[in-house]
Amino acid sequence: MSTAIKLTTVEVNDKTGIATLTMCRPPVNGQNLELLLDIKSSINEIKNNNSRGLIITSGHAPAGGCLLATACEYRVMVPNCIIGLNETQLGIIAPKWLVSGYLNILPKRVAERSLTQGRLFTTDEALQEGLIDEIANSKEEAVDKCVAFIGTFAKVNPVARALTKQQFRADNLRQFHKEREQDVDDFLSLVNRPEVQKGIAIYLEGLKKKANKQ
């Protein structure tokens, strides 16, 4: 018998047919292989059930959390949260396919500056720059706003919508598949440098101290 803990939950609204996928890896939904595989499994489950939409709910969204957010069509955040790609603060870089996701949302100059600075946006800043679409006062309100957005496609042919979306993302997908192995090699080469390891250790120690103060 498997003792694996489910790291995501999926709830489908019987009236709307909209599925809500929630990550459940305390304390902050830090991404690891198990969580990513669970997300993939849940997305396939939603797809196979022909649900009308998908919402991934979380709190703060730095790094991998931002990746998931930028992969979604609509982003709603509650106040006092952060979102962004802060890789350069750790001495590493965001891969090209992740940069392309940023460029699908942000103006090139804003994306370039924020990536080189490793900037994390507050909720208000993210809305101002266009990184998110709306602000909600609670998780429940955020879900309602996402449901309302999904409702705007109610009269749109789903096949035509999907094919149109694929046209916009085709270059991103080709780049990802073409460069994925080289990207892994480049990342491992960079992250194993002593100065990068030292920077990561300092950053993680800072997070521990911050957590202990709370």
Foldseek 3Di string as FASTA:
>chain_A
DDPDDQQWDWDADPVQLEIEIEGHDPDFSDDDPRSVVNVVVVVVVSVVVVRLYYHYDGAAQEAVNLLVLLVDPAAEHEFPHKHYYQVVLLVAADDPLSLVSVVVFFPPVVSVVCRNNSDIDGNVRCCVRRSHPYYDNDPVVRVVVVSVVSVVCVVPDPVVVVVVVCVVCVVSVVVCVVCVVVVVVVRVVRCPDPVSVVSNVVVVVVVVVVVVVD
